[in-house]
Amino acid sequence: MTSSMTNDEFLRIAKICGNNIKEARILRGYKTQKDFALAMLGGSNYSTSISRLESGKNNEFKQYVKIAQLLQVPISYIFKSNTPLDEKYINKLSVEEQTIFELNRIGELLKKIRLSKHKVLADFEKGVGIGIDSSNVSKIERGVINLKLYTLIALCTELGIQLEDLF
């Protein structure tokens, strides 16, 4: 029997991620999205992008990595609820290097969990039900494609784990 993720569950998790971004932005001294966009991204026209991230509407994994680096927080801070934010976190990798590292780390972990549950790619594909074929699941496990938050949550749901378990 497979589990399925509801739209409400996705929205709940996206809201947690967005609230964590907003909290980090404010704690880092950027009271408005426009302030953050000007200081960190080079222009106030990026405040729309930040608004979308904070509201859970823009959910490409690479964007979460970029914002985490700009706010000097570990990527895990964005995806975990009730995580205290203490001192600034300095990541010595570029956004691209960190994205590659995280996608590989998450992919390996998803594969390890899938195998521990004795699932083959074909089983996984059938159960997810979100239009991901086994080829794309394989690419995710190898860290070679960017993820959307919805896809990542659906994969976690199918594996019976929480998104936080990946961080």
Foldseek 3Di string as FASTA:
>chain_A
DFFADDPVNLQVQLQLLLVLLQVLCVVLPNPALQSLCCPQVNGSVCSVVNVCSNNSNFFWPLVLLSSCQSSQHPSLSSRDHPDDDDDGHHDPDDSVVVLQVLQQLLLCVLVVLCVVVVHDLCNLQVRLPPPDHSVVNNCSSRSNDIDGSVVLQSSCRRSVHGSSVSD
